[in-house]
Amino acid sequence: MRGNRDYLLQLLFILIENGFKYTPSGQVRLSAVQSESHVGLTVSDTGIGLTPEEVPHIFQRFYRADVSRGQTSGTGLGLSIAKWIADMHDSRLEVRSKLGEGSAFTVWLPITAVQYSD
């Protein structure tokens, strides 16, 4: 794939940091999967999770879910920056979450065909 290495590393760092931030005990995992046209990188955790009502808002600047206010530090900018980076790379950023059970964030990055010459 083609992309800005520093921005993509920042996107992953944001997702991993959030996983640890919102998982007081449990685990955070990074996994990868490949389809024909995309690579999916998933950061999943067994943390506090989100309600279905909160999920549509988490990529908005300065949004902080009610359950996290006052309990964890942050500005509410990380996920909006991650979404901007994903958009900049023609990628999708998906979230699955369940309150009290954890969250999984997947960035789907397009695979670019590379031609080699001998």
PDB file of N, CA and C in Angstrom:
ATOM      1  N   MET A   1       0.828  -1.170   0.000  1.00  0.00           N
ATOM      2  CA  MET A   1       0.000   0.000   0.000  1.00  0.00           C
ATOM      3  C   MET A   1       0.869   1.227   0.000  1.00  0.00           C
ATOM      4  N   ARG A   2       0.298   2.318  -0.379  1.00  0.00           N
ATOM      5  CA  ARG A   2       1.018   3.585  -0.368  1.00  0.00           C
ATOM      6  C   ARG A   2       0.376   4.479   0.683  1.00  0.00           C
ATOM      7  N   GLY A   3       1.221   5.218   1.388  1.00  0.00           N
ATOM      8  CA  GLY A   3       0.684   6.115   2.394  1.00  0.00           C
ATOM      9  C   GLY A   3       1.796   6.834   3.128  1.00  0.00           C
ATOM     10  N   ASN A   4       1.386   7.718   3.993  1.00  0.00           N
ATOM     11  CA  ASN A   4       2.317   8.463   4.815  1.00  0.00           C
ATOM     12  C   ASN A   4       2.622   7.630   6.056  1.00  0.00           C
ATOM     13  N   ARG A   5       3.840   7.137   6.131  1.00  0.00           N
ATOM     14  CA  ARG A   5       4.247   6.246   7.222  1.00  0.00           C
ATOM     15  C   ARG A   5       3.982   6.870   8.595  1.00  0.00           C
ATOM     16  N   ASP A   6       4.377   8.124   8.766  1.00  0.00           N
ATOM     17  CA  ASP A   6       4.233   8.776  10.069  1.00  0.00           C
ATOM     18  C   ASP A   6       2.765   8.908  10.472  1.00  0.00           C
ATOM     19  N   TYR A   7       1.920   9.276   9.516  1.00  0.00           N
ATOM     20  CA  TYR A   7       0.492   9.412   9.828  1.00  0.00           C
ATOM     21  C   TYR A   7      -0.135   8.060  10.167  1.00  0.00           C
ATOM     22  N   LEU A   8       0.230   7.032   9.397  1.00  0.00           N
ATOM     23  CA  LEU A   8      -0.337   5.710   9.671  1.00  0.00           C
ATOM     24  C   LEU A   8       0.127   5.174  11.020  1.00  0.00           C
ATOM     25  N   LEU A   9       1.377   5.430  11.374  1.00  0.00           N
ATOM     26  CA  LEU A   9       1.857   5.046  12.708  1.00  0.00           C
ATOM     27  C   LEU A   9       1.100   5.812  13.793  1.00  0.00           C
ATOM     28  N   GLN A  10       0.828   7.094  13.548  1.00  0.00           N
ATOM     29  CA  GLN A  10       0.068   7.890  14.509  1.00  0.00           C
ATOM     30  C   GLN A  10      -1.337   7.324  14.679  1.00  0.00           C
ATOM     31  N   LEU A  11      -1.979   6.930  13.581  1.00  0.00           N
ATOM     32  CA  LEU A  11      -3.321   6.342  13.654  1.00  0.00           C
ATOM     33  C   LEU A  11      -3.295   5.100  14.540  1.00  0.00           C
ATOM     34  N   LEU A  12      -2.346   4.199  14.296  1.00  0.00           N
ATOM     35  CA  LEU A  12      -2.248   2.991  15.118  1.00  0.00           C
ATOM     36  C   LEU A  12      -1.932   3.325  16.564  1.00  0.00           C
ATOM     37  N   PHE A  13      -1.054   4.289  16.793  1.00  0.00           N
ATOM     38  CA  PHE A  13      -0.717   4.684  18.161  1.00  0.00           C
ATOM     39  C   PHE A  13      -1.962   5.195  18.895  1.00  0.00           C
ATOM     40  N   ILE A  14      -2.788   5.990  18.215  1.00  0.00           N
ATOM     41  CA  ILE A  14      -4.013   6.506  18.829  1.00  0.00           C
ATOM     42  C   ILE A  14      -4.922   5.352  19.236  1.00  0.00           C
ATOM     43  N   LEU A  15      -5.124   4.392  18.345  1.00  0.00           N
ATOM     44  CA  LEU A  15      -6.011   3.269  18.647  1.00  0.00           C
ATOM     45  C   LEU A  15      -5.462   2.405  19.775  1.00  0.00           C
ATOM     46  N   ILE A  16      -4.157   2.142  19.743  1.00  0.00           N
ATOM     47  CA  ILE A  16      -3.549   1.321  20.798  1.00  0.00           C
ATOM     48  C   ILE A  16      -3.581   2.053  22.136  1.00  0.00           C
ATOM     49  N   GLU A  17      -3.232   3.337  22.136  1.00  0.00           N
ATOM     50  CA  GLU A  17      -3.255   4.114  23.376  1.00  0.00           C
ATOM     51  C   GLU A  17      -4.654   4.156  23.975  1.00  0.00           C
ATOM     52  N   ASN A  18      -5.671   4.362  23.126  1.00  0.00           N
ATOM     53  CA  ASN A  18      -7.052   4.355  23.630  1.00  0.00           C
ATOM     54  C   ASN A  18      -7.411   2.996  24.219  1.00  0.00           C
ATOM     55  N   GLY A  19      -6.953   1.928  23.566  1.00  0.00           N
ATOM     56  CA  GLY A  19      -7.228   0.598  24.106  1.00  0.00           C
ATOM     57  C   GLY A  19      -6.711   0.447  25.523  1.00  0.00           C
ATOM     58  N   PHE A  20      -5.468   0.878  25.749  1.00  0.00           N
ATOM     59  CA  PHE A  20      -4.907   0.780  27.102  1.00  0.00           C
ATOM     60  C   PHE A  20      -5.572   1.762  28.057  1.00  0.00           C
ATOM     61  N   LYS A  21      -5.888   2.946  27.571  1.00  0.00           N
ATOM     62  CA  LYS A  21      -6.488   3.978  28.424  1.00  0.00           C
ATOM     63  C   LYS A  21      -7.848   3.535  28.977  1.00  0.00           C
ATOM     64  N   TYR A  22      -8.624   2.842  28.146  1.00  0.00           N
ATOM     65  CA  TYR A  22      -9.980   2.470  28.543  1.00  0.00           C
ATOM     66  C   TYR A  22     -10.109   1.000  28.927  1.00  0.00           C
ATOM     67  N   THR A  23      -8.970   0.365  29.219  1.00  0.00           N
ATOM     68  CA  THR A  23      -8.963  -1.018  29.691  1.00  0.00           C
ATOM     69  C   THR A  23      -8.202  -1.064  31.007  1.00  0.00           C
ATOM     70  N   PRO A  24      -8.908  -0.787  32.125  1.00  0.00           N
ATOM     71  CA  PRO A  24      -8.226  -0.770  33.423  1.00  0.00           C
ATOM     72  C   PRO A  24      -7.607  -2.123  33.782  1.00  0.00           C
ATOM     73  N   SER A  25      -8.254  -3.209  33.373  1.00  0.00           N
ATOM     74  CA  SER A  25      -7.674  -4.541  33.511  1.00  0.00           C
ATOM     75  C   SER A  25      -8.207  -5.365  32.352  1.00  0.00           C
ATOM     76  N   GLY A  26      -7.390  -6.275  31.876  1.00  0.00           N
ATOM     77  CA  GLY A  26      -7.785  -7.058  30.710  1.00  0.00           C
ATOM     78  C   GLY A  26      -6.689  -7.027  29.677  1.00  0.00           C
ATOM     79  N   GLN A  27      -7.076  -6.992  28.401  1.00  0.00           N
ATOM     80  CA  GLN A  27      -6.058  -7.058  27.367  1.00  0.00           C
ATOM     81  C   GLN A  27      -6.391  -6.162  26.180  1.00  0.00           C
ATOM     82  N   VAL A  28      -5.337  -5.815  25.456  1.00  0.00           N
ATOM     83  CA  VAL A  28      -5.429  -5.050  24.213  1.00  0.00           C
ATOM     84  C   VAL A  28      -4.667  -5.870  23.171  1.00  0.00           C
ATOM     85  N   ARG A  29      -5.289  -6.063  22.015  1.00  0.00           N
ATOM     86  CA  ARG A  29      -4.669  -6.884  20.969  1.00  0.00           C
ATOM     87  C   ARG A  29      -4.626  -6.132  19.646  1.00  0.00           C
ATOM     88  N   LEU A  30      -3.588  -6.395  18.874  1.00  0.00           N
ATOM     89  CA  LEU A  30      -3.465  -5.887  17.510  1.00  0.00           C
ATOM     90  C   LEU A  30      -3.451  -7.097  16.596  1.00  0.00           C
ATOM     91  N   SER A  31      -4.335  -7.094  15.608  1.00  0.00           N
ATOM     92  CA  SER A  31      -4.373  -8.202  14.651  1.00  0.00           C
ATOM     93  C   SER A  31      -4.525  -7.641  13.246  1.00  0.00           C
ATOM     94  N   ALA A  32      -4.224  -8.486  12.265  1.00  0.00           N
ATOM     95  CA  ALA A  32      -4.309  -8.064  10.865  1.00  0.00           C
ATOM     96  C   ALA A  32      -4.981  -9.161  10.055  1.00  0.00           C
ATOM     97  N   VAL A  33      -5.690  -8.718   9.016  1.00  0.00           N
ATOM     98  CA  VAL A  33      -6.336  -9.633   8.087  1.00  0.00           C
ATOM     99  C   VAL A  33      -6.252  -9.009   6.697  1.00  0.00           C
ATOM    100  N   GLN A  34      -6.203  -9.865   5.681  1.00  0.00           N
ATOM    101  CA  GLN A  34      -6.127  -9.355   4.313  1.00  0.00           C
ATOM    102  C   GLN A  34      -7.272  -9.909   3.488  1.00  0.00           C
ATOM    103  N   SER A  35      -7.939  -9.022   2.742  1.00  0.00           N
ATOM    104  CA  SER A  35      -8.912  -9.437   1.741  1.00  0.00           C
ATOM    105  C   SER A  35      -8.250  -9.230   0.383  1.00  0.00           C
ATOM    106  N   GLU A  36      -9.007  -9.388  -0.678  1.00  0.00           N
ATOM    107  CA  GLU A  36      -8.414  -9.197  -2.008  1.00  0.00           C
ATOM    108  C   GLU A  36      -7.928  -7.771  -2.225  1.00  0.00           C
ATOM    109  N   SER A  37      -8.643  -6.800  -1.671  1.00  0.00           N
ATOM    110  CA  SER A  37      -8.325  -5.406  -1.984  1.00  0.00           C
ATOM    111  C   SER A  37      -7.934  -4.549  -0.782  1.00  0.00           C
ATOM    112  N   HIS A  38      -7.986  -5.109   0.428  1.00  0.00           N
ATOM    113  CA  HIS A  38      -7.691  -4.319   1.628  1.00  0.00           C
ATOM    114  C   HIS A  38      -6.930  -5.136   2.662  1.00  0.00           C
ATOM    115  N   VAL A  39      -6.210  -4.419   3.505  1.00  0.00           N
ATOM    116  CA  VAL A  39      -5.620  -4.982   4.717  1.00  0.00           C
ATOM    117  C   VAL A  39      -6.362  -4.350   5.885  1.00  0.00           C
ATOM    118  N   GLY A  40      -6.819  -5.176   6.813  1.00  0.00           N
ATOM    119  CA  GLY A  40      -7.511  -4.679   7.992  1.00  0.00           C
ATOM    120  C   GLY A  40      -6.635  -4.826   9.214  1.00  0.00           C
ATOM    121  N   LEU A  41      -6.385  -3.717   9.893  1.00  0.00           N
ATOM    122  CA  LEU A  41      -5.641  -3.726  11.150  1.00  0.00           C
ATOM    123  C   LEU A  41      -6.640  -3.438  12.261  1.00  0.00           C
ATOM    124  N   THR A  42      -6.751  -4.347  13.211  1.00  0.00           N
ATOM    125  CA  THR A  42      -7.738  -4.220  14.288  1.00  0.00           C
ATOM    126  C   THR A  42      -7.041  -4.108  15.630  1.00  0.00           C
ATOM    127  N   VAL A  43      -7.432  -3.097  16.390  1.00  0.00           N
ATOM    128  CA  VAL A  43      -7.023  -2.962  17.784  1.00  0.00           C
ATOM    129  C   VAL A  43      -8.267  -3.252  18.608  1.00  0.00           C
ATOM    130  N   SER A  44      -8.224  -4.336  19.379  1.00  0.00           N
ATOM    131  CA  SER A  44      -9.372  -4.713  20.202  1.00  0.00           C
ATOM    132  C   SER A  44      -8.962  -4.736  21.667  1.00  0.00           C
ATOM    133  N   ASP A  45      -9.935  -4.474  22.522  1.00  0.00           N
ATOM    134  CA  ASP A  45      -9.657  -4.466  23.957  1.00  0.00           C
ATOM    135  C   ASP A  45     -10.816  -5.084  24.717  1.00  0.00           C
ATOM    136  N   THR A  46     -10.570  -5.364  25.978  1.00  0.00           N
ATOM    137  CA  THR A  46     -11.601  -5.893  26.877  1.00  0.00           C
ATOM    138  C   THR A  46     -11.961  -4.824  27.902  1.00  0.00           C
ATOM    139  N   GLY A  47     -11.964  -3.577  27.457  1.00  0.00           N
ATOM    140  CA  GLY A  47     -12.161  -2.434  28.350  1.00  0.00           C
ATOM    141  C   GLY A  47     -13.611  -2.094  28.625  1.00  0.00           C
ATOM    142  N   ILE A  48     -13.829  -0.808  28.902  1.00  0.00           N
ATOM    143  CA  ILE A  48     -15.142  -0.345  29.368  1.00  0.00           C
ATOM    144  C   ILE A  48     -16.196  -0.313  28.274  1.00  0.00           C
ATOM    145  N   GLY A  49     -15.791  -0.228  27.017  1.00  0.00           N
ATOM    146  CA  GLY A  49     -16.742  -0.245  25.913  1.00  0.00           C
ATOM    147  C   GLY A  49     -17.588   1.011  25.821  1.00  0.00           C
ATOM    148  N   LEU A  50     -18.474   1.029  24.840  1.00  0.00           N
ATOM    149  CA  LEU A  50     -19.343   2.173  24.555  1.00  0.00           C
ATOM    150  C   LEU A  50     -20.775   1.700  24.374  1.00  0.00           C
ATOM    151  N   THR A  51     -21.710   2.599  24.609  1.00  0.00           N
ATOM    152  CA  THR A  51     -23.109   2.292  24.323  1.00  0.00           C
ATOM    153  C   THR A  51     -23.369   2.518  22.838  1.00  0.00           C
ATOM    154  N   PRO A  52     -24.415   1.898  22.287  1.00  0.00           N
ATOM    155  CA  PRO A  52     -24.747   2.130  20.875  1.00  0.00           C
ATOM    156  C   PRO A  52     -25.036   3.608  20.575  1.00  0.00           C
ATOM    157  N   GLU A  53     -25.516   4.344  21.552  1.00  0.00           N
ATOM    158  CA  GLU A  53     -25.812   5.766  21.357  1.00  0.00           C
ATOM    159  C   GLU A  53     -24.540   6.609  21.254  1.00  0.00           C
ATOM    160  N   GLU A  54     -23.469   6.173  21.888  1.00  0.00           N
ATOM    161  CA  GLU A  54     -22.214   6.923  21.872  1.00  0.00           C
ATOM    162  C   GLU A  54     -21.406   6.710  20.589  1.00  0.00           C
ATOM    163  N   VAL A  55     -21.480   5.516  20.021  1.00  0.00           N
ATOM    164  CA  VAL A  55     -20.621   5.145  18.891  1.00  0.00           C
ATOM    165  C   VAL A  55     -20.698   6.125  17.715  1.00  0.00           C
ATOM    166  N   PRO A  56     -21.874   6.596  17.291  1.00  0.00           N
ATOM    167  CA  PRO A  56     -21.895   7.505  16.129  1.00  0.00           C
ATOM    168  C   PRO A  56     -21.158   8.829  16.345  1.00  0.00           C
ATOM    169  N   HIS A  57     -20.869   9.178  17.585  1.00  0.00           N
ATOM    170  CA  HIS A  57     -20.273  10.480  17.897  1.00  0.00           C
ATOM    171  C   HIS A  57     -18.770  10.440  18.164  1.00  0.00           C
ATOM    172  N   ILE A  58     -18.182   9.260  18.294  1.00  0.00           N
ATOM    173  CA  ILE A  58     -16.812   9.173  18.801  1.00  0.00           C
ATOM    174  C   ILE A  58     -15.761   9.755  17.868  1.00  0.00           C
ATOM    175  N   PHE A  59     -16.076   9.938  16.585  1.00  0.00           N
ATOM    176  CA  PHE A  59     -15.098  10.512  15.655  1.00  0.00           C
ATOM    177  C   PHE A  59     -15.240  12.027  15.536  1.00  0.00           C
ATOM    178  N   GLN A  60     -16.156  12.620  16.306  1.00  0.00           N
ATOM    179  CA  GLN A  60     -16.316  14.074  16.307  1.00  0.00           C
ATOM    180  C   GLN A  60     -15.266  14.698  17.225  1.00  0.00           C
ATOM    181  N   ARG A  61     -14.738  15.855  16.802  1.00  0.00           N
ATOM    182  CA  ARG A  61     -13.734  16.539  17.623  1.00  0.00           C
ATOM    183  C   ARG A  61     -14.300  16.905  18.987  1.00  0.00           C
ATOM    184  N   PHE A  62     -13.511  16.699  20.003  1.00  0.00           N
ATOM    185  CA  PHE A  62     -13.782  17.042  21.402  1.00  0.00           C
ATOM    186  C   PHE A  62     -14.871  16.187  22.046  1.00  0.00           C
ATOM    187  N   TYR A  63     -15.397  15.178  21.355  1.00  0.00           N
ATOM    188  CA  TYR A  63     -16.420  14.327  21.962  1.00  0.00           C
ATOM    189  C   TYR A  63     -15.766  13.362  22.934  1.00  0.00           C
ATOM    190  N   ARG A  64     -16.348  13.270  24.122  1.00  0.00           N
ATOM    191  CA  ARG A  64     -15.916  12.290  25.119  1.00  0.00           C
ATOM    192  C   ARG A  64     -17.150  11.582  25.612  1.00  0.00           C
ATOM    193  N   ALA A  65     -17.148  10.274  25.568  1.00  0.00           N
ATOM    194  CA  ALA A  65     -18.295   9.492  26.022  1.00  0.00           C
ATOM    195  C   ALA A  65     -18.532   9.741  27.508  1.00  0.00           C
ATOM    196  N   ASP A  66     -19.783   9.795  27.907  1.00  0.00           N
ATOM    197  CA  ASP A  66     -20.150  10.088  29.296  1.00  0.00           C
ATOM    198  C   ASP A  66     -19.425   9.201  30.294  1.00  0.00           C
ATOM    199  N   VAL A  67     -19.290   7.922  29.961  1.00  0.00           N
ATOM    200  CA  VAL A  67     -18.680   6.987  30.903  1.00  0.00           C
ATOM    201  C   VAL A  67     -17.219   7.331  31.184  1.00  0.00           C
ATOM    202  N   SER A  68     -16.559   8.042  30.257  1.00  0.00           N
ATOM    203  CA  SER A  68     -15.128   8.329  30.441  1.00  0.00           C
ATOM    204  C   SER A  68     -14.861   9.694  31.052  1.00  0.00           C
ATOM    205  N   ARG A  69     -15.823  10.602  31.045  1.00  0.00           N
ATOM    206  CA  ARG A  69     -15.573  11.956  31.551  1.00  0.00           C
ATOM    207  C   ARG A  69     -15.177  11.915  33.024  1.00  0.00           C
ATOM    208  N   GLY A  70     -14.080  12.574  33.317  1.00  0.00           N
ATOM    209  CA  GLY A  70     -13.627  12.651  34.698  1.00  0.00           C
ATOM    210  C   GLY A  70     -12.846  11.435  35.154  1.00  0.00           C
ATOM    211  N   GLN A  71     -12.891  10.336  34.423  1.00  0.00           N
ATOM    212  CA  GLN A  71     -12.193   9.126  34.845  1.00  0.00           C
ATOM    213  C   GLN A  71     -10.859   8.948  34.125  1.00  0.00           C
ATOM    214  N   THR A  72     -10.768   9.454  32.903  1.00  0.00           N
ATOM    215  CA  THR A  72      -9.535   9.337  32.135  1.00  0.00           C
ATOM    216  C   THR A  72      -9.182  10.690  31.540  1.00  0.00           C
ATOM    217  N   SER A  73      -7.898  10.919  31.366  1.00  0.00           N
ATOM    218  CA  SER A  73      -7.467  12.188  30.788  1.00  0.00           C
ATOM    219  C   SER A  73      -7.609  12.136  29.275  1.00  0.00           C
ATOM    220  N   GLY A  74      -7.720  13.295  28.676  1.00  0.00           N
ATOM    221  CA  GLY A  74      -7.788  13.380  27.223  1.00  0.00           C
ATOM    222  C   GLY A  74      -8.574  14.588  26.787  1.00  0.00           C
ATOM    223  N   THR A  75      -8.448  14.895  25.498  1.00  0.00           N
ATOM    224  CA  THR A  75      -9.118  16.077  24.951  1.00  0.00           C
ATOM    225  C   THR A  75     -10.299  15.735  24.059  1.00  0.00           C
ATOM    226  N   GLY A  76     -10.431  14.467  23.679  1.00  0.00           N
ATOM    227  CA  GLY A  76     -11.478  14.103  22.746  1.00  0.00           C
ATOM    228  C   GLY A  76     -11.086  14.347  21.298  1.00  0.00           C
ATOM    229  N   LEU A  77      -9.789  14.450  21.028  1.00  0.00           N
ATOM    230  CA  LEU A  77      -9.328  14.693  19.653  1.00  0.00           C
ATOM    231  C   LEU A  77      -8.740  13.460  18.981  1.00  0.00           C
ATOM    232  N   GLY A  78      -8.299  12.472  19.733  1.00  0.00           N
ATOM    233  CA  GLY A  78      -7.579  11.337  19.175  1.00  0.00           C
ATOM    234  C   GLY A  78      -8.317  10.618  18.065  1.00  0.00           C
ATOM    235  N   LEU A  79      -9.563  10.223  18.307  1.00  0.00           N
ATOM    236  CA  LEU A  79     -10.288   9.470  17.292  1.00  0.00           C
ATOM    237  C   LEU A  79     -10.661  10.321  16.090  1.00  0.00           C
ATOM    238  N   SER A  80     -10.863  11.618  16.290  1.00  0.00           N
ATOM    239  CA  SER A  80     -11.141  12.473  15.122  1.00  0.00           C
ATOM    240  C   SER A  80      -9.884  12.591  14.254  1.00  0.00           C
ATOM    241  N   ILE A  81      -8.714  12.624  14.879  1.00  0.00           N
ATOM    242  CA  ILE A  81      -7.457  12.646  14.118  1.00  0.00           C
ATOM    243  C   ILE A  81      -7.263  11.307  13.399  1.00  0.00           C
ATOM    244  N   ALA A  82      -7.538  10.203  14.086  1.00  0.00           N
ATOM    245  CA  ALA A  82      -7.418   8.883  13.462  1.00  0.00           C
ATOM    246  C   ALA A  82      -8.344   8.779  12.248  1.00  0.00           C
ATOM    247  N   LYS A  83      -9.558   9.282  12.370  1.00  0.00           N
ATOM    248  CA  LYS A  83     -10.518   9.255  11.249  1.00  0.00           C
ATOM    249  C   LYS A  83     -10.007  10.100  10.094  1.00  0.00           C
ATOM    250  N   TRP A  84      -9.448  11.265  10.385  1.00  0.00           N
ATOM    251  CA  TRP A  84      -8.892  12.137   9.345  1.00  0.00           C
ATOM    252  C   TRP A  84      -7.762  11.426   8.601  1.00  0.00           C
ATOM    253  N   ILE A  85      -6.876  10.748   9.341  1.00  0.00           N
ATOM    254  CA  ILE A  85      -5.773  10.024   8.719  1.00  0.00           C
ATOM    255  C   ILE A  85      -6.312   8.892   7.842  1.00  0.00           C
ATOM    256  N   ALA A  86      -7.291   8.153   8.344  1.00  0.00           N
ATOM    257  CA  ALA A  86      -7.890   7.075   7.548  1.00  0.00           C
ATOM    258  C   ALA A  86      -8.499   7.636   6.267  1.00  0.00           C
ATOM    259  N   ASP A  87      -9.257   8.722   6.384  1.00  0.00           N
ATOM    260  CA  ASP A  87      -9.874   9.339   5.204  1.00  0.00           C
ATOM    261  C   ASP A  87      -8.816   9.784   4.205  1.00  0.00           C
ATOM    262  N   MET A  88      -7.728  10.340   4.709  1.00  0.00           N
ATOM    263  CA  MET A  88      -6.642  10.820   3.861  1.00  0.00           C
ATOM    264  C   MET A  88      -6.009   9.678   3.051  1.00  0.00           C
ATOM    265  N   HIS A  89      -6.128   8.455   3.544  1.00  0.00           N
ATOM    266  CA  HIS A  89      -5.554   7.292   2.885  1.00  0.00           C
ATOM    267  C   HIS A  89      -6.631   6.443   2.186  1.00  0.00           C
ATOM    268  N   ASP A  90      -7.800   7.047   1.914  1.00  0.00           N
ATOM    269  CA  ASP A  90      -8.904   6.331   1.260  1.00  0.00           C
ATOM    270  C   ASP A  90      -9.227   5.027   1.994  1.00  0.00           C
ATOM    271  N   SER A  91      -9.218   5.101   3.313  1.00  0.00           N
ATOM    272  CA  SER A  91      -9.449   3.940   4.155  1.00  0.00           C
ATOM    273  C   SER A  91     -10.734   4.109   4.953  1.00  0.00           C
ATOM    274  N   ARG A  92     -11.222   2.988   5.478  1.00  0.00           N
ATOM    275  CA  ARG A  92     -12.397   2.994   6.351  1.00  0.00           C
ATOM    276  C   ARG A  92     -11.948   2.718   7.777  1.00  0.00           C
ATOM    277  N   LEU A  93     -12.583   3.390   8.715  1.00  0.00           N
ATOM    278  CA  LEU A  93     -12.323   3.144  10.131  1.00  0.00           C
ATOM    279  C   LEU A  93     -13.638   2.693  10.747  1.00  0.00           C
ATOM    280  N   GLU A  94     -13.674   1.454  11.202  1.00  0.00           N
ATOM    281  CA  GLU A  94     -14.886   0.867  11.761  1.00  0.00           C
ATOM    282  C   GLU A  94     -14.716   0.624  13.256  1.00  0.00           C
ATOM    283  N   VAL A  95     -15.842   0.630  13.968  1.00  0.00           N
ATOM    284  CA  VAL A  95     -15.809   0.336  15.398  1.00  0.00           C
ATOM    285  C   VAL A  95     -16.942  -0.617  15.757  1.00  0.00           C
ATOM    286  N   ARG A  96     -16.601  -1.575  16.609  1.00  0.00           N
ATOM    287  CA  ARG A  96     -17.586  -2.449  17.237  1.00  0.00           C
ATOM    288  C   ARG A  96     -17.340  -2.330  18.737  1.00  0.00           C
ATOM    289  N   SER A  97     -18.397  -2.122  19.486  1.00  0.00           N
ATOM    290  CA  SER A  97     -18.201  -1.935  20.919  1.00  0.00           C
ATOM    291  C   SER A  97     -19.436  -2.388  21.675  1.00  0.00           C
ATOM    292  N   LYS A  98     -19.200  -2.853  22.887  1.00  0.00           N
ATOM    293  CA  LYS A  98     -20.283  -3.226  23.782  1.00  0.00           C
ATOM    294  C   LYS A  98     -19.916  -2.758  25.183  1.00  0.00           C
ATOM    295  N   LEU A  99     -20.813  -2.012  25.791  1.00  0.00           N
ATOM    296  CA  LEU A  99     -20.571  -1.459  27.118  1.00  0.00           C
ATOM    297  C   LEU A  99     -20.201  -2.563  28.102  1.00  0.00           C
ATOM    298  N   GLY A 100     -19.092  -2.369  28.799  1.00  0.00           N
ATOM    299  CA  GLY A 100     -18.637  -3.323  29.793  1.00  0.00           C
ATOM    300  C   GLY A 100     -17.865  -4.509  29.238  1.00  0.00           C
ATOM    301  N   GLU A 101     -17.779  -4.622  27.902  1.00  0.00           N
ATOM    302  CA  GLU A 101     -17.095  -5.777  27.311  1.00  0.00           C
ATOM    303  C   GLU A 101     -15.919  -5.400  26.434  1.00  0.00           C
ATOM    304  N   GLY A 102     -15.863  -4.146  25.964  1.00  0.00           N
ATOM    305  CA  GLY A 102     -14.724  -3.722  25.172  1.00  0.00           C
ATOM    306  C   GLY A 102     -15.088  -3.209  23.798  1.00  0.00           C
ATOM    307  N   SER A 103     -14.057  -2.858  23.054  1.00  0.00           N
ATOM    308  CA  SER A 103     -14.215  -2.271  21.724  1.00  0.00           C
ATOM    309  C   SER A 103     -13.199  -2.865  20.765  1.00  0.00           C
ATOM    310  N   ALA A 104     -13.513  -2.770  19.477  1.00  0.00           N
ATOM    311  CA  ALA A 104     -12.583  -3.169  18.419  1.00  0.00           C
ATOM    312  C   ALA A 104     -12.649  -2.119  17.323  1.00  0.00           C
ATOM    313  N   PHE A 105     -11.507  -1.531  17.025  1.00  0.00           N
ATOM    314  CA  PHE A 105     -11.394  -0.537  15.964  1.00  0.00           C
ATOM    315  C   PHE A 105     -10.597  -1.162  14.825  1.00  0.00           C
ATOM    316  N   THR A 106     -11.155  -1.115  13.612  1.00  0.00           N
ATOM    317  CA  THR A 106     -10.481  -1.675  12.441  1.00  0.00           C
ATOM    318  C   THR A 106     -10.307  -0.592  11.397  1.00  0.00           C
ATOM    319  N   VAL A 107      -9.081  -0.459  10.917  1.00  0.00           N
ATOM    320  CA  VAL A 107      -8.817   0.428   9.783  1.00  0.00           C
ATOM    321  C   VAL A 107      -8.577  -0.475   8.572  1.00  0.00           C
ATOM    322  N   TRP A 108      -9.376  -0.239   7.507  1.00  0.00           N
ATOM    323  CA  TRP A 108      -9.272  -1.003   6.266  1.00  0.00           C
ATOM    324  C   TRP A 108      -8.495  -0.174   5.261  1.00  0.00           C
ATOM    325  N   LEU A 109      -7.265  -0.591   4.990  1.00  0.00           N
ATOM    326  CA  LEU A 109      -6.365   0.127   4.090  1.00  0.00           C
ATOM    327  C   LEU A 109      -6.352  -0.533   2.723  1.00  0.00           C
ATOM    328  N   PRO A 110      -6.508   0.252   1.655  1.00  0.00           N
ATOM    329  CA  PRO A 110      -6.515  -0.351   0.311  1.00  0.00           C
ATOM    330  C   PRO A 110      -5.127  -0.844  -0.079  1.00  0.00           C
ATOM    331  N   ILE A 111      -5.107  -1.991  -0.743  1.00  0.00           N
ATOM    332  CA  ILE A 111      -3.864  -2.558  -1.243  1.00  0.00           C
ATOM    333  C   ILE A 111      -3.619  -1.990  -2.639  1.00  0.00           C
ATOM    334  N   THR A 112      -2.415  -1.515  -2.855  1.00  0.00           N
ATOM    335  CA  THR A 112      -2.026  -0.985  -4.145  1.00  0.00           C
ATOM    336  C   THR A 112      -1.173  -2.012  -4.860  1.00  0.00           C
ATOM    337  N   ALA A 113      -1.548  -2.319  -6.088  1.00  0.00           N
ATOM    338  CA  ALA A 113      -0.762  -3.281  -6.874  1.00  0.00           C
ATOM    339  C   ALA A 113       0.589  -2.672  -7.223  1.00  0.00           C
ATOM    340  N   VAL A 114       1.634  -3.443  -7.048  1.00  0.00           N
ATOM    341  CA  VAL A 114       2.986  -3.005  -7.363  1.00  0.00           C
ATOM    342  C   VAL A 114       3.520  -3.912  -8.461  1.00  0.00           C
ATOM    343  N   GLN A 115       4.028  -3.314  -9.521  1.00  0.00           N
ATOM    344  CA  GLN A 115       4.597  -4.097 -10.613  1.00  0.00           C
ATOM    345  C   GLN A 115       6.115  -4.098 -10.472  1.00  0.00           C
ATOM    346  N   TYR A 116       6.687  -5.288 -10.549  1.00  0.00           N
ATOM    347  CA  TYR A 116       8.128  -5.442 -10.448  1.00  0.00           C
ATOM    348  C   TYR A 116       8.696  -5.709 -11.836  1.00  0.00           C
ATOM    349  N   SER A 117       9.850  -5.170 -12.097  1.00  0.00           N
ATOM    350  CA  SER A 117      10.516  -5.450 -13.374  1.00  0.00           C
ATOM    351  C   SER A 117      11.866  -6.092 -13.083  1.00  0.00           C
ATOM    352  N   ASP A 118      12.237  -6.993 -13.933  1.00  0.00           N
ATOM    353  CA  ASP A 118      13.528  -7.690 -13.749  1.00  0.00           C
ATOM    354  C   ASP A 118      14.624  -6.997 -14.498  1.00  0.00           C
TER     355      ASP A 118
END
